[in-house]
């Protein structure tokens, strides 16, 4: 099973980046208040972007790279995935 890296937008327009093996379940957790501390109280969240990677190590490295991006570059990344 592949690992997914994802970016969600919270109701306050902040972005959260994470990894998971089950993307639908994880988004549901964020929306139910059982996700991470950052998204509690910021639900509902909207999935904006995701990538699938072959293993956890690659997913963690990609997550770290994305988290270091400034907001404008995250928006550009999200926009490229839609186009």
PDB file of N, CA and C in Angstrom:
ATOM      1  N   UNK A   1       0.850  -1.186   0.000  1.00  0.00           N
ATOM      2  CA  UNK A   1       0.000   0.000   0.000  1.00  0.00           C
ATOM      3  C   UNK A   1       0.893   1.246   0.000  1.00  0.00           C
ATOM      4  N   UNK A   2       0.551   2.225  -0.812  1.00  0.00           N
ATOM      5  CA  UNK A   2       1.328   3.457  -0.947  1.00  0.00           C
ATOM      6  C   UNK A   2       1.034   4.424   0.196  1.00  0.00           C
ATOM      7  N   UNK A   3       1.978   5.299   0.432  1.00  0.00           N
ATOM      8  CA  UNK A   3       1.805   6.393   1.394  1.00  0.00           C
ATOM      9  C   UNK A   3       1.381   7.630   0.629  1.00  0.00           C
ATOM     10  N   UNK A   4       0.528   8.425   1.238  1.00  0.00           N
ATOM     11  CA  UNK A   4       0.073   9.676   0.625  1.00  0.00           C
ATOM     12  C   UNK A   4       0.574  10.851   1.446  1.00  0.00           C
ATOM     13  N   UNK A   5       1.021  11.864   0.759  1.00  0.00           N
ATOM     14  CA  UNK A   5       1.303  13.160   1.379  1.00  0.00           C
ATOM     15  C   UNK A   5       0.161  14.061   0.954  1.00  0.00           C
ATOM     16  N   UNK A   6      -0.347  14.877   1.861  1.00  0.00           N
ATOM     17  CA  UNK A   6      -1.517  15.682   1.526  1.00  0.00           C
ATOM     18  C   UNK A   6      -1.407  17.081   2.136  1.00  0.00           C
ATOM     19  N   UNK A   7      -2.118  18.003   1.495  1.00  0.00           N
ATOM     20  CA  UNK A   7      -2.282  19.361   2.020  1.00  0.00           C
ATOM     21  C   UNK A   7      -3.781  19.590   2.132  1.00  0.00           C
ATOM     22  N   UNK A   8      -4.207  19.998   3.315  1.00  0.00           N
ATOM     23  CA  UNK A   8      -5.607  20.356   3.514  1.00  0.00           C
ATOM     24  C   UNK A   8      -5.693  21.836   3.876  1.00  0.00           C
ATOM     25  N   UNK A   9      -6.828  22.441   3.543  1.00  0.00           N
ATOM     26  CA  UNK A   9      -7.094  23.829   3.935  1.00  0.00           C
ATOM     27  C   UNK A   9      -8.157  23.793   5.022  1.00  0.00           C
ATOM     28  N   UNK A  10      -7.854  24.438   6.128  1.00  0.00           N
ATOM     29  CA  UNK A  10      -8.794  24.510   7.250  1.00  0.00           C
ATOM     30  C   UNK A  10      -9.782  25.643   7.017  1.00  0.00           C
ATOM     31  N   UNK A  11     -10.821  25.700   7.849  1.00  0.00           N
ATOM     32  CA  UNK A  11     -11.851  26.730   7.668  1.00  0.00           C
ATOM     33  C   UNK A  11     -11.299  28.138   7.848  1.00  0.00           C
ATOM     34  N   UNK A  12     -10.163  28.286   8.540  1.00  0.00           N
ATOM     35  CA  UNK A  12      -9.547  29.604   8.694  1.00  0.00           C
ATOM     36  C   UNK A  12      -8.515  29.885   7.598  1.00  0.00           C
ATOM     37  N   UNK A  13      -8.530  29.069   6.546  1.00  0.00           N
ATOM     38  CA  UNK A  13      -7.672  29.186   5.354  1.00  0.00           C
ATOM     39  C   UNK A  13      -6.210  28.814   5.598  1.00  0.00           C
ATOM     40  N   UNK A  14      -5.887  28.296   6.764  1.00  0.00           N
ATOM     41  CA  UNK A  14      -4.528  27.811   6.998  1.00  0.00           C
ATOM     42  C   UNK A  14      -4.357  26.454   6.347  1.00  0.00           C
ATOM     43  N   UNK A  15      -3.115  26.149   5.961  1.00  0.00           N
ATOM     44  CA  UNK A  15      -2.800  24.862   5.361  1.00  0.00           C
ATOM     45  C   UNK A  15      -2.177  23.943   6.402  1.00  0.00           C
ATOM     46  N   UNK A  16      -2.468  22.661   6.258  1.00  0.00           N
ATOM     47  CA  UNK A  16      -1.832  21.624   7.075  1.00  0.00           C
ATOM     48  C   UNK A  16      -1.334  20.551   6.119  1.00  0.00           C
ATOM     49  N   UNK A  17      -0.110  20.098   6.320  1.00  0.00           N
ATOM     50  CA  UNK A  17       0.484  19.058   5.497  1.00  0.00           C
ATOM     51  C   UNK A  17       0.756  17.836   6.360  1.00  0.00           C
ATOM     52  N   UNK A  18       0.416  16.666   5.853  1.00  0.00           N
ATOM     53  CA  UNK A  18       0.649  15.439   6.603  1.00  0.00           C
ATOM     54  C   UNK A  18       0.819  14.251   5.683  1.00  0.00           C
ATOM     55  N   UNK A  19       1.076  13.078   6.286  1.00  0.00           N
ATOM     56  CA  UNK A  19       1.183  11.837   5.529  1.00  0.00           C
ATOM     57  C   UNK A  19       0.251  10.799   6.139  1.00  0.00           C
ATOM     58  N   UNK A  20      -0.138   9.833   5.327  1.00  0.00           N
ATOM     59  CA  UNK A  20      -1.023   8.769   5.790  1.00  0.00           C
ATOM     60  C   UNK A  20      -0.989   7.611   4.802  1.00  0.00           C
ATOM     61  N   UNK A  21      -1.448   6.456   5.245  1.00  0.00           N
ATOM     62  CA  UNK A  21      -1.629   5.314   4.346  1.00  0.00           C
ATOM     63  C   UNK A  21      -3.075   5.228   3.860  1.00  0.00           C
ATOM     64  N   UNK A  22      -3.985   5.915   4.537  1.00  0.00           N
ATOM     65  CA  UNK A  22      -5.410   5.876   4.174  1.00  0.00           C
ATOM     66  C   UNK A  22      -5.938   7.315   4.165  1.00  0.00           C
ATOM     67  N   UNK A  23      -5.902   7.938   3.002  1.00  0.00           N
ATOM     68  CA  UNK A  23      -6.211   9.357   2.880  1.00  0.00           C
ATOM     69  C   UNK A  23      -7.645   9.685   3.279  1.00  0.00           C
ATOM     70  N   UNK A  24      -8.614   8.912   2.822  1.00  0.00           N
ATOM     71  CA  UNK A  24     -10.016   9.202   3.149  1.00  0.00           C
ATOM     72  C   UNK A  24     -10.249   9.135   4.661  1.00  0.00           C
ATOM     73  N   UNK A  25      -9.725   8.097   5.299  1.00  0.00           N
ATOM     74  CA  UNK A  25      -9.883   7.944   6.748  1.00  0.00           C
ATOM     75  C   UNK A  25      -9.252   9.122   7.484  1.00  0.00           C
ATOM     76  N   UNK A  26      -8.079   9.561   7.020  1.00  0.00           N
ATOM     77  CA  UNK A  26      -7.377  10.653   7.692  1.00  0.00           C
ATOM     78  C   UNK A  26      -8.133  11.968   7.552  1.00  0.00           C
ATOM     79  N   UNK A  27      -8.670  12.259   6.386  1.00  0.00           N
ATOM     80  CA  UNK A  27      -9.459  13.481   6.190  1.00  0.00           C
ATOM     81  C   UNK A  27     -10.702  13.435   7.085  1.00  0.00           C
ATOM     82  N   UNK A  28     -11.338  12.269   7.144  1.00  0.00           N
ATOM     83  CA  UNK A  28     -12.501  12.105   8.029  1.00  0.00           C
ATOM     84  C   UNK A  28     -12.117  12.364   9.488  1.00  0.00           C
ATOM     85  N   UNK A  29     -10.941  11.898   9.904  1.00  0.00           N
ATOM     86  CA  UNK A  29     -10.477  12.144  11.270  1.00  0.00           C
ATOM     87  C   UNK A  29     -10.304  13.637  11.521  1.00  0.00           C
ATOM     88  N   UNK A  30      -9.680  14.335  10.580  1.00  0.00           N
ATOM     89  CA  UNK A  30      -9.500  15.780  10.731  1.00  0.00           C
ATOM     90  C   UNK A  30     -10.856  16.475  10.862  1.00  0.00           C
ATOM     91  N   UNK A  31     -11.817  16.074  10.052  1.00  0.00           N
ATOM     92  CA  UNK A  31     -13.133  16.714  10.068  1.00  0.00           C
ATOM     93  C   UNK A  31     -13.954  16.374  11.305  1.00  0.00           C
ATOM     94  N   UNK A  32     -13.665  15.251  11.936  1.00  0.00           N
ATOM     95  CA  UNK A  32     -14.419  14.861  13.134  1.00  0.00           C
ATOM     96  C   UNK A  32     -13.774  15.360  14.425  1.00  0.00           C
ATOM     97  N   UNK A  33     -12.642  16.066  14.307  1.00  0.00           N
ATOM     98  CA  UNK A  33     -11.962  16.568  15.497  1.00  0.00           C
ATOM     99  C   UNK A  33     -11.026  15.559  16.133  1.00  0.00           C
ATOM    100  N   UNK A  34     -10.814  14.418  15.460  1.00  0.00           N
ATOM    101  CA  UNK A  34      -9.936  13.381  15.994  1.00  0.00           C
ATOM    102  C   UNK A  34      -8.619  13.311  15.240  1.00  0.00           C
ATOM    103  N   UNK A  35      -8.333  14.327  14.445  1.00  0.00           N
ATOM    104  CA  UNK A  35      -7.067  14.387  13.720  1.00  0.00           C
ATOM    105  C   UNK A  35      -5.999  14.957  14.626  1.00  0.00           C
ATOM    106  N   UNK A  36      -5.138  15.750  14.092  1.00  0.00           N
ATOM    107  CA  UNK A  36      -4.064  16.355  14.880  1.00  0.00           C
ATOM    108  C   UNK A  36      -4.585  17.575  15.654  1.00  0.00           C
ATOM    109  N   UNK A  37      -3.800  18.029  16.582  1.00  0.00           N
ATOM    110  CA  UNK A  37      -4.170  19.180  17.404  1.00  0.00           C
ATOM    111  C   UNK A  37      -4.378  20.436  16.546  1.00  0.00           C
ATOM    112  N   UNK A  38      -3.559  20.603  15.506  1.00  0.00           N
ATOM    113  CA  UNK A  38      -3.643  21.791  14.655  1.00  0.00           C
ATOM    114  C   UNK A  38      -5.019  21.937  14.019  1.00  0.00           C
ATOM    115  N   UNK A  39      -5.617  20.833  13.578  1.00  0.00           N
ATOM    116  CA  UNK A  39      -6.887  20.937  12.856  1.00  0.00           C
ATOM    117  C   UNK A  39      -8.108  20.899  13.769  1.00  0.00           C
ATOM    118  N   UNK A  40      -7.930  20.548  15.027  1.00  0.00           N
ATOM    119  CA  UNK A  40      -9.078  20.575  15.951  1.00  0.00           C
ATOM    120  C   UNK A  40      -9.561  22.004  16.088  1.00  0.00           C
ATOM    121  N   UNK A  41     -10.837  22.217  15.919  1.00  0.00           N
ATOM    122  CA  UNK A  41     -11.388  23.562  15.999  1.00  0.00           C
ATOM    123  C   UNK A  41     -11.264  24.341  14.700  1.00  0.00           C
ATOM    124  N   UNK A  42     -10.609  23.730  13.707  1.00  0.00           N
ATOM    125  CA  UNK A  42     -10.464  24.387  12.403  1.00  0.00           C
ATOM    126  C   UNK A  42     -11.214  23.626  11.316  1.00  0.00           C
ATOM    127  N   UNK A  43     -12.039  22.679  11.708  1.00  0.00           N
ATOM    128  CA  UNK A  43     -12.813  21.890  10.744  1.00  0.00           C
ATOM    129  C   UNK A  43     -14.029  22.702  10.306  1.00  0.00           C
ATOM    130  N   UNK A  44     -14.542  22.495   9.135  1.00  0.00           N
ATOM    131  CA  UNK A  44     -14.172  21.419   8.232  1.00  0.00           C
ATOM    132  C   UNK A  44     -12.900  21.744   7.452  1.00  0.00           C
ATOM    133  N   UNK A  45     -12.210  20.677   7.038  1.00  0.00           N
ATOM    134  CA  UNK A  45     -11.024  20.835   6.211  1.00  0.00           C
ATOM    135  C   UNK A  45     -11.351  20.360   4.804  1.00  0.00           C
ATOM    136  N   UNK A  46     -10.598  20.870   3.850  1.00  0.00           N
ATOM    137  CA  UNK A  46     -10.786  20.518   2.454  1.00  0.00           C
ATOM    138  C   UNK A  46      -9.469  20.008   1.901  1.00  0.00           C
ATOM    139  N   UNK A  47      -9.494  18.843   1.272  1.00  0.00           N
ATOM    140  CA  UNK A  47      -8.295  18.308   0.638  1.00  0.00           C
ATOM    141  C   UNK A  47      -7.962  19.170  -0.575  1.00  0.00           C
ATOM    142  N   UNK A  48      -6.739  19.701  -0.590  1.00  0.00           N
ATOM    143  CA  UNK A  48      -6.323  20.579  -1.677  1.00  0.00           C
ATOM    144  C   UNK A  48      -5.316  19.912  -2.618  1.00  0.00           C
ATOM    145  N   UNK A  49      -4.536  18.963  -2.077  1.00  0.00           N
ATOM    146  CA  UNK A  49      -3.441  18.381  -2.848  1.00  0.00           C
ATOM    147  C   UNK A  49      -3.031  17.060  -2.219  1.00  0.00           C
ATOM    148  N   UNK A  50      -2.636  16.113  -3.048  1.00  0.00           N
ATOM    149  CA  UNK A  50      -2.017  14.907  -2.525  1.00  0.00           C
ATOM    150  C   UNK A  50      -1.110  14.264  -3.566  1.00  0.00           C
ATOM    151  N   UNK A  51      -0.154  13.511  -3.086  1.00  0.00           N
ATOM    152  CA  UNK A  51       0.757  12.724  -3.912  1.00  0.00           C
ATOM    153  C   UNK A  51       0.836  11.346  -3.282  1.00  0.00           C
ATOM    154  N   UNK A  52       1.066  10.332  -4.090  1.00  0.00           N
ATOM    155  CA  UNK A  52       1.309   9.000  -3.561  1.00  0.00           C
ATOM    156  C   UNK A  52       2.779   8.672  -3.731  1.00  0.00           C
ATOM    157  N   UNK A  53       3.368   8.131  -2.674  1.00  0.00           N
ATOM    158  CA  UNK A  53       4.771   7.740  -2.682  1.00  0.00           C
ATOM    159  C   UNK A  53       4.876   6.279  -2.274  1.00  0.00           C
ATOM    160  N   UNK A  54       5.962   5.645  -2.669  1.00  0.00           N
ATOM    161  CA  UNK A  54       6.075   4.199  -2.490  1.00  0.00           C
ATOM    162  C   UNK A  54       6.372   3.744  -1.071  1.00  0.00           C
ATOM    163  N   UNK A  55       6.977   4.620  -0.252  1.00  0.00           N
ATOM    164  CA  UNK A  55       7.278   4.188   1.112  1.00  0.00           C
ATOM    165  C   UNK A  55       7.246   5.365   2.088  1.00  0.00           C
ATOM    166  N   UNK A  56       7.250   5.046   3.367  1.00  0.00           N
ATOM    167  CA  UNK A  56       7.118   6.046   4.428  1.00  0.00           C
ATOM    168  C   UNK A  56       8.286   7.025   4.435  1.00  0.00           C
ATOM    169  N   UNK A  57       9.473   6.519   4.198  1.00  0.00           N
ATOM    170  CA  UNK A  57      10.659   7.374   4.209  1.00  0.00           C
ATOM    171  C   UNK A  57      10.548   8.485   3.168  1.00  0.00           C
ATOM    172  N   UNK A  58      10.167   8.121   1.951  1.00  0.00           N
ATOM    173  CA  UNK A  58       9.997   9.129   0.898  1.00  0.00           C
ATOM    174  C   UNK A  58       8.890  10.114   1.255  1.00  0.00           C
ATOM    175  N   UNK A  59       7.812   9.606   1.840  1.00  0.00           N
ATOM    176  CA  UNK A  59       6.692  10.472   2.220  1.00  0.00           C
ATOM    177  C   UNK A  59       7.122  11.477   3.289  1.00  0.00           C
ATOM    178  N   UNK A  60       7.879  11.024   4.280  1.00  0.00           N
ATOM    179  CA  UNK A  60       8.358  11.931   5.332  1.00  0.00           C
ATOM    180  C   UNK A  60       9.291  13.000   4.774  1.00  0.00           C
ATOM    181  N   UNK A  61      10.148  12.617   3.855  1.00  0.00           N
ATOM    182  CA  UNK A  61      11.065  13.590   3.239  1.00  0.00           C
ATOM    183  C   UNK A  61      10.298  14.627   2.424  1.00  0.00           C
ATOM    184  N   UNK A  62       9.313  14.157   1.653  1.00  0.00           N
ATOM    185  CA  UNK A  62       8.505  15.077   0.842  1.00  0.00           C
ATOM    186  C   UNK A  62       7.677  16.004   1.733  1.00  0.00           C
ATOM    187  N   UNK A  63       7.134  15.447   2.828  1.00  0.00           N
ATOM    188  CA  UNK A  63       6.374  16.254   3.782  1.00  0.00           C
ATOM    189  C   UNK A  63       7.246  17.375   4.344  1.00  0.00           C
ATOM    190  N   UNK A  64       8.461  17.045   4.735  1.00  0.00           N
ATOM    191  CA  UNK A  64       9.376  18.052   5.288  1.00  0.00           C
ATOM    192  C   UNK A  64       9.672  19.137   4.260  1.00  0.00           C
ATOM    193  N   UNK A  65       9.866  18.737   3.015  1.00  0.00           N
ATOM    194  CA  UNK A  65      10.130  19.708   1.943  1.00  0.00           C
ATOM    195  C   UNK A  65       8.949  20.653   1.762  1.00  0.00           C
ATOM    196  N   UNK A  66       7.745  20.103   1.706  1.00  0.00           N
ATOM    197  CA  UNK A  66       6.554  20.926   1.507  1.00  0.00           C
ATOM    198  C   UNK A  66       6.321  21.853   2.690  1.00  0.00           C
ATOM    199  N   UNK A  67       6.531  21.357   3.909  1.00  0.00           N
ATOM    200  CA  UNK A  67       6.322  22.189   5.092  1.00  0.00           C
ATOM    201  C   UNK A  67       7.253  23.392   5.123  1.00  0.00           C
ATOM    202  N   UNK A  68       8.420  23.294   4.492  1.00  0.00           N
ATOM    203  CA  UNK A  68       9.356  24.413   4.448  1.00  0.00           C
ATOM    204  C   UNK A  68       9.004  25.460   3.398  1.00  0.00           C
ATOM    205  N   UNK A  69       8.106  25.117   2.477  1.00  0.00           N
ATOM    206  CA  UNK A  69       7.727  26.056   1.427  1.00  0.00           C
ATOM    207  C   UNK A  69       6.929  27.222   2.005  1.00  0.00           C
ATOM    208  N   UNK A  70       7.162  28.429   1.505  1.00  0.00           N
ATOM    209  CA  UNK A  70       6.295  29.546   1.896  1.00  0.00           C
ATOM    210  C   UNK A  70       4.887  29.324   1.336  1.00  0.00           C
ATOM    211  N   UNK A  71       3.909  29.966   1.927  1.00  0.00           N
ATOM    212  CA  UNK A  71       2.509  29.787   1.548  1.00  0.00           C
ATOM    213  C   UNK A  71       2.284  29.986   0.050  1.00  0.00           C
ATOM    214  N   UNK A  72       2.888  30.979  -0.533  1.00  0.00           N
ATOM    215  CA  UNK A  72       2.675  31.268  -1.957  1.00  0.00           C
ATOM    216  C   UNK A  72       3.135  30.094  -2.827  1.00  0.00           C
ATOM    217  N   UNK A  73       4.208  29.423  -2.442  1.00  0.00           N
ATOM    218  CA  UNK A  73       4.678  28.261  -3.205  1.00  0.00           C
ATOM    219  C   UNK A  73       3.775  27.052  -2.994  1.00  0.00           C
ATOM    220  N   UNK A  74       3.179  26.938  -1.814  1.00  0.00           N
ATOM    221  CA  UNK A  74       2.206  25.862  -1.591  1.00  0.00           C
ATOM    222  C   UNK A  74       0.987  26.087  -2.471  1.00  0.00           C
ATOM    223  N   UNK A  75       0.546  27.328  -2.580  1.00  0.00           N
ATOM    224  CA  UNK A  75      -0.593  27.655  -3.440  1.00  0.00           C
ATOM    225  C   UNK A  75      -0.266  27.320  -4.898  1.00  0.00           C
ATOM    226  N   UNK A  76       0.952  27.617  -5.305  1.00  0.00           N
ATOM    227  CA  UNK A  76       1.386  27.311  -6.672  1.00  0.00           C
ATOM    228  C   UNK A  76       1.401  25.799  -6.894  1.00  0.00           C
ATOM    229  N   UNK A  77       1.891  25.038  -5.913  1.00  0.00           N
ATOM    230  CA  UNK A  77       1.910  23.579  -5.999  1.00  0.00           C
ATOM    231  C   UNK A  77       0.494  23.030  -6.125  1.00  0.00           C
ATOM    232  N   UNK A  78      -0.411  23.538  -5.313  1.00  0.00           N
ATOM    233  CA  UNK A  78      -1.817  23.127  -5.362  1.00  0.00           C
ATOM    234  C   UNK A  78      -2.412  23.445  -6.729  1.00  0.00           C
ATOM    235  N   UNK A  79      -2.128  24.642  -7.230  1.00  0.00           N
ATOM    236  CA  UNK A  79      -2.642  25.061  -8.537  1.00  0.00           C
ATOM    237  C   UNK A  79      -2.127  24.195  -9.670  1.00  0.00           C
ATOM    238  N   UNK A  80      -0.893  23.758  -9.593  1.00  0.00           N
ATOM    239  CA  UNK A  80      -0.324  22.897 -10.635  1.00  0.00           C
ATOM    240  C   UNK A  80      -1.005  21.539 -10.648  1.00  0.00           C
ATOM    241  N   UNK A  81      -1.425  21.069  -9.488  1.00  0.00           N
ATOM    242  CA  UNK A  81      -2.061  19.752  -9.425  1.00  0.00           C
ATOM    243  C   UNK A  81      -3.473  19.786 -10.002  1.00  0.00           C
ATOM    244  N   UNK A  82      -4.100  20.950 -10.005  1.00  0.00           N
ATOM    245  CA  UNK A  82      -5.463  21.093 -10.527  1.00  0.00           C
ATOM    246  C   UNK A  82      -5.443  21.229 -12.050  1.00  0.00           C
ATOM    247  N   UNK A  83      -4.419  21.887 -12.558  1.00  0.00           N
ATOM    248  CA  UNK A  83      -4.334  22.150 -14.001  1.00  0.00           C
ATOM    249  C   UNK A  83      -4.090  20.904 -14.819  1.00  0.00           C
TER     250      UNK A  83
END
